[in-house]
């Protein structure tokens, strides 16, 4: 998933929780109740940052989990 904005994502279909790590800040956010179709489209999007901004950011409840944690 190469992106200049998003370093890594993880998705749990059971809880519908999407975790997103950002490149610049190193911060991780969890987005609640994200439908599997939204995550699939996000994963398939050519411009991940653009898709995130248009379809996920400000559309789902979220919380910051940590900063500068290693996603690997």
N, C-alpha and C. Protein backbone atom coordinates (compact mmCIF):
# COMPACT_ATOMS: atom_id res chain seq x y z
N UNK A 1 0.83 -1.18 0.00
CA UNK A 1 0.00 0.00 0.00
C UNK A 1 0.87 1.24 0.00
N UNK A 2 1.53 1.56 -1.06
CA UNK A 2 2.37 2.76 -1.08
C UNK A 2 1.51 4.03 -1.02
N UNK A 3 1.89 4.91 -0.12
CA UNK A 3 1.22 6.19 0.02
C UNK A 3 2.20 7.17 0.66
N UNK A 4 2.14 8.41 0.25
CA UNK A 4 3.01 9.41 0.87
C UNK A 4 2.43 9.92 2.17
N UNK A 5 1.15 9.66 2.42
CA UNK A 5 0.47 10.16 3.61
C UNK A 5 0.23 9.08 4.64
N UNK A 6 -0.15 7.90 4.19
CA UNK A 6 -0.56 6.82 5.08
C UNK A 6 0.50 5.73 5.08
N UNK A 7 1.02 5.44 6.26
CA UNK A 7 2.09 4.45 6.36
C UNK A 7 1.55 3.03 6.39
N UNK A 8 0.42 2.83 7.09
CA UNK A 8 -0.09 1.47 7.26
C UNK A 8 -1.56 1.54 7.65
N UNK A 9 -2.30 0.49 7.28
CA UNK A 9 -3.68 0.35 7.75
C UNK A 9 -3.88 -1.08 8.22
N UNK A 10 -4.80 -1.25 9.14
CA UNK A 10 -5.27 -2.57 9.57
C UNK A 10 -6.77 -2.47 9.72
N UNK A 11 -7.46 -3.55 9.39
CA UNK A 11 -8.91 -3.54 9.48
C UNK A 11 -9.39 -4.82 10.13
N UNK A 12 -10.29 -4.69 11.09
CA UNK A 12 -10.90 -5.84 11.75
C UNK A 12 -12.36 -5.91 11.31
N UNK A 13 -12.70 -6.86 10.43
CA UNK A 13 -14.08 -6.91 9.93
C UNK A 13 -15.11 -7.25 11.00
N UNK A 14 -14.70 -7.96 12.05
CA UNK A 14 -15.65 -8.31 13.12
C UNK A 14 -16.09 -7.08 13.90
N UNK A 15 -15.13 -6.23 14.25
CA UNK A 15 -15.46 -5.02 15.01
C UNK A 15 -15.70 -3.82 14.10
N UNK A 16 -15.37 -3.98 12.80
CA UNK A 16 -15.47 -2.90 11.80
C UNK A 16 -14.60 -1.70 12.20
N UNK A 17 -13.43 -2.01 12.78
CA UNK A 17 -12.49 -0.99 13.24
C UNK A 17 -11.35 -0.87 12.23
N UNK A 18 -11.12 0.35 11.77
CA UNK A 18 -10.03 0.64 10.85
C UNK A 18 -8.96 1.42 11.59
N UNK A 19 -7.74 0.91 11.60
CA UNK A 19 -6.59 1.61 12.18
C UNK A 19 -5.75 2.18 11.06
N UNK A 20 -5.35 3.44 11.21
CA UNK A 20 -4.56 4.12 10.18
C UNK A 20 -3.36 4.79 10.85
N UNK A 21 -2.16 4.50 10.33
CA UNK A 21 -0.93 5.15 10.77
C UNK A 21 -0.53 6.18 9.72
N UNK A 22 -0.18 7.36 10.16
CA UNK A 22 0.18 8.44 9.23
C UNK A 22 1.69 8.63 9.18
N UNK A 23 2.19 8.93 8.00
CA UNK A 23 3.63 9.06 7.76
C UNK A 23 4.21 10.26 8.50
N UNK A 24 3.68 11.44 8.27
CA UNK A 24 4.29 12.67 8.79
C UNK A 24 4.30 12.74 10.31
N UNK A 25 3.18 12.42 10.95
CA UNK A 25 3.08 12.58 12.40
C UNK A 25 3.46 11.31 13.16
N UNK A 26 3.39 10.16 12.50
CA UNK A 26 3.61 8.90 13.18
C UNK A 26 2.42 8.49 14.03
N UNK A 27 1.35 9.27 13.98
CA UNK A 27 0.19 9.00 14.82
C UNK A 27 -0.68 7.90 14.23
N UNK A 28 -1.37 7.21 15.13
CA UNK A 28 -2.30 6.15 14.74
C UNK A 28 -3.69 6.54 15.23
N UNK A 29 -4.66 6.35 14.35
CA UNK A 29 -6.05 6.62 14.69
C UNK A 29 -6.89 5.39 14.40
N UNK A 30 -7.92 5.18 15.21
CA UNK A 30 -8.88 4.12 14.98
C UNK A 30 -10.22 4.74 14.60
N UNK A 31 -10.78 4.25 13.52
CA UNK A 31 -12.06 4.72 13.01
C UNK A 31 -13.10 3.62 13.24
N UNK A 32 -14.21 3.99 13.87
CA UNK A 32 -15.22 3.03 14.28
C UNK A 32 -16.29 2.81 13.21
N UNK A 33 -16.79 1.57 13.19
CA UNK A 33 -17.94 1.19 12.38
C UNK A 33 -17.75 1.45 10.88
N UNK A 34 -16.54 1.16 10.40
CA UNK A 34 -16.24 1.33 8.97
C UNK A 34 -16.71 0.08 8.22
N UNK A 35 -17.61 0.23 7.25
CA UNK A 35 -18.11 -0.95 6.52
C UNK A 35 -16.98 -1.63 5.74
N UNK A 36 -17.08 -2.95 5.59
CA UNK A 36 -16.05 -3.68 4.83
C UNK A 36 -15.89 -3.15 3.40
N UNK A 37 -17.01 -2.70 2.79
CA UNK A 37 -16.94 -2.18 1.43
C UNK A 37 -16.10 -0.90 1.36
N UNK A 38 -16.20 -0.08 2.40
CA UNK A 38 -15.41 1.16 2.46
C UNK A 38 -13.93 0.83 2.58
N UNK A 39 -13.60 -0.14 3.44
CA UNK A 39 -12.19 -0.51 3.58
C UNK A 39 -11.67 -1.12 2.28
N UNK A 40 -12.46 -1.96 1.63
CA UNK A 40 -12.03 -2.58 0.37
C UNK A 40 -11.76 -1.52 -0.69
N UNK A 41 -12.63 -0.52 -0.77
CA UNK A 41 -12.43 0.56 -1.75
C UNK A 41 -11.21 1.40 -1.39
N UNK A 42 -10.99 1.62 -0.10
CA UNK A 42 -9.82 2.36 0.38
C UNK A 42 -8.54 1.63 -0.01
N UNK A 43 -8.53 0.33 0.25
CA UNK A 43 -7.36 -0.49 -0.06
C UNK A 43 -7.07 -0.50 -1.57
N UNK A 44 -8.13 -0.49 -2.37
CA UNK A 44 -7.98 -0.55 -3.82
C UNK A 44 -7.72 0.81 -4.47
N UNK A 45 -7.93 1.87 -3.73
CA UNK A 45 -7.82 3.23 -4.31
C UNK A 45 -6.39 3.51 -4.75
N UNK A 46 -6.26 4.16 -5.89
CA UNK A 46 -4.94 4.55 -6.39
C UNK A 46 -4.33 5.62 -5.49
N UNK A 47 -5.12 6.61 -5.11
CA UNK A 47 -4.67 7.70 -4.24
C UNK A 47 -5.27 7.49 -2.85
N UNK A 48 -4.54 6.78 -1.99
CA UNK A 48 -5.04 6.43 -0.66
C UNK A 48 -5.38 7.66 0.17
N UNK A 49 -4.51 8.66 0.16
CA UNK A 49 -4.76 9.88 0.94
C UNK A 49 -6.01 10.60 0.49
N UNK A 50 -6.22 10.66 -0.81
CA UNK A 50 -7.41 11.33 -1.34
C UNK A 50 -8.67 10.55 -0.95
N UNK A 51 -8.63 9.22 -1.09
CA UNK A 51 -9.79 8.42 -0.71
C UNK A 51 -10.08 8.59 0.77
N UNK A 52 -9.03 8.55 1.59
CA UNK A 52 -9.20 8.73 3.03
C UNK A 52 -9.89 10.06 3.33
N UNK A 53 -9.39 11.13 2.74
CA UNK A 53 -9.95 12.46 3.00
C UNK A 53 -11.40 12.59 2.53
N UNK A 54 -11.73 11.95 1.41
CA UNK A 54 -13.07 12.10 0.85
C UNK A 54 -14.10 11.14 1.42
N UNK A 55 -13.65 9.96 1.92
CA UNK A 55 -14.62 8.94 2.31
C UNK A 55 -14.52 8.44 3.75
N UNK A 56 -13.44 8.75 4.44
CA UNK A 56 -13.27 8.23 5.80
C UNK A 56 -13.13 9.37 6.81
N UNK A 57 -12.21 10.27 6.57
CA UNK A 57 -12.02 11.40 7.46
C UNK A 57 -13.33 12.19 7.58
N UNK A 58 -13.69 12.53 8.80
CA UNK A 58 -14.93 13.27 9.10
C UNK A 58 -16.22 12.53 8.75
N UNK A 59 -16.11 11.22 8.44
CA UNK A 59 -17.31 10.43 8.17
C UNK A 59 -17.55 9.37 9.24
N UNK A 60 -16.50 9.06 10.01
CA UNK A 60 -16.60 8.03 11.04
C UNK A 60 -16.03 8.56 12.35
N UNK A 61 -16.62 8.10 13.45
CA UNK A 61 -16.09 8.46 14.77
C UNK A 61 -14.69 7.86 14.88
N UNK A 62 -13.78 8.60 15.51
CA UNK A 62 -12.40 8.13 15.61
C UNK A 62 -11.77 8.57 16.92
N UNK A 63 -10.62 7.98 17.20
CA UNK A 63 -9.82 8.40 18.36
C UNK A 63 -8.35 8.16 18.05
N UNK A 64 -7.51 9.02 18.62
CA UNK A 64 -6.07 8.83 18.46
C UNK A 64 -5.63 7.77 19.46
N UNK A 65 -4.87 6.82 18.99
CA UNK A 65 -4.41 5.72 19.84
C UNK A 65 -3.02 5.98 20.37
N UNK A 66 -2.10 6.38 19.52
CA UNK A 66 -0.72 6.57 19.96
C UNK A 66 -0.01 7.44 18.94
N UNK A 67 1.15 7.93 19.33
CA UNK A 67 2.00 8.63 18.36
C UNK A 67 3.35 7.97 18.36
N UNK A 68 3.94 7.97 17.19
CA UNK A 68 5.30 7.44 16.99
C UNK A 68 5.44 5.98 17.38
N UNK A 69 4.34 5.21 17.31
CA UNK A 69 4.52 3.78 17.57
C UNK A 69 4.90 3.10 16.27
N UNK A 70 5.60 2.02 16.40
CA UNK A 70 6.11 1.31 15.24
C UNK A 70 5.04 0.36 14.71
N UNK A 71 4.57 0.54 13.49
CA UNK A 71 3.51 -0.31 12.96
C UNK A 71 3.99 -1.68 12.53
N UNK A 72 5.28 -1.92 12.58
CA UNK A 72 5.80 -3.21 12.09
C UNK A 72 5.83 -4.23 13.15
